[in-house]
């Protein structure tokens, strides 16, 4: 194939998003990366409340910078009577509507799929919610941590008697990515049928799908995987081990061949491979405390570089337990030139390229917008004259 061209897969697709927090913004940022025009509708004044989560990125919110590049921000008071006309004009030329408003809010605004489909039969409507349409939890409020809990994720994460949440918003990410892939499917389906469709994305179901291994491990009331901290619950040794210089190495053994090589070339104790306590993965897992003590003792006189060198020579999978500062400077990301500069209200910021690279196109990496930065331009594109825009501003519609 020829070198990368400026044509992107979603060029010409327009997405209107009634979004806040993470799940929907993360979805629509993926669409924007692929070339879609994403018009983000925000409340006049403060905008998306995720803008106020923190001020860690030169005064901007870390969550917001992460999930909102390459979008246009239009401020619009959806409850104002004149907002309906603005929404109508937006939807007349839109391909996709994404929303993660409070349960029932879109319906009350006249933005249910049934209402919209009659006027805009080609429009794809993607509703993202905590629990999905129907059922006793339909109207229940849902946030990332709550879904991590409801899905069982927290119950198998942590150590000992102390459960833990994930360190990032995995429930939001899961729902956002299923919404993204479902929208792509809906666009393909529309090419065949000419009709838009409704997508009902549940954060709970997104996370329960990801819980497939522990669910089946605990099938028919079998005991669930034990909480093992950063170690694997059922494979051992597979997890973090301290090293003599104060660092931590993460390693993982997958089979008996690797176990024997590990004992011989990494620990320098070949006879350990035949110790009955450790003769199979299940026995190693059952006797992990004794085995951990032996590994920690063997690593105590070595630096992280020396342990890594031994593991690499033995072809044993390993990784460093990096902190955030280490990830920013990660040599693999640097070597593959995965960072790009993007604009923002706080100036130029680094941003990671989308993980799936293509030789056919380059992803879009445009600025993070200020609240309402594109309001006038978007309204002008909808046919509003300057006087009309001034009137809408005076009436606090936008």
Foldseek 3Di string as FASTA:
>chain_A
DDFADAQFPAAQAEEEEADADFQQLQLVQVVLQRHYAYEYEFAPDPTHCQQVPDLPPVGGHPRLQFRFFNYHFAYFDLPDPVRVVVVVLSLVRHQEYEYADQQPPCVVSQNDCVSVCVVRFRHAYEYEYAAWPDDPCRRPHDDQVRLCVVLCVQVQADADPHTDDDPDSVLSVLQSVVSNVVVVVQVVVCVVVVGYYYHIGHSNVSVNVVVVVQDVVCPPNNDGQHHDHQQDSQFPPAGWEAAQVGFIKGFHDDALVLVQLCCCQQLVHNVVCPDPCPVGRNSCSVVVVVVNVSVNVSRNVDDPVVNVVSCVVSVTDMDTPDDPVCVVVPPVCVVVVQWDWEQEPSGIDIDGAPPDDDRHHGTDGYHRYDNNNCNVVSVVVSPQDPVNVVVCVVVSRD
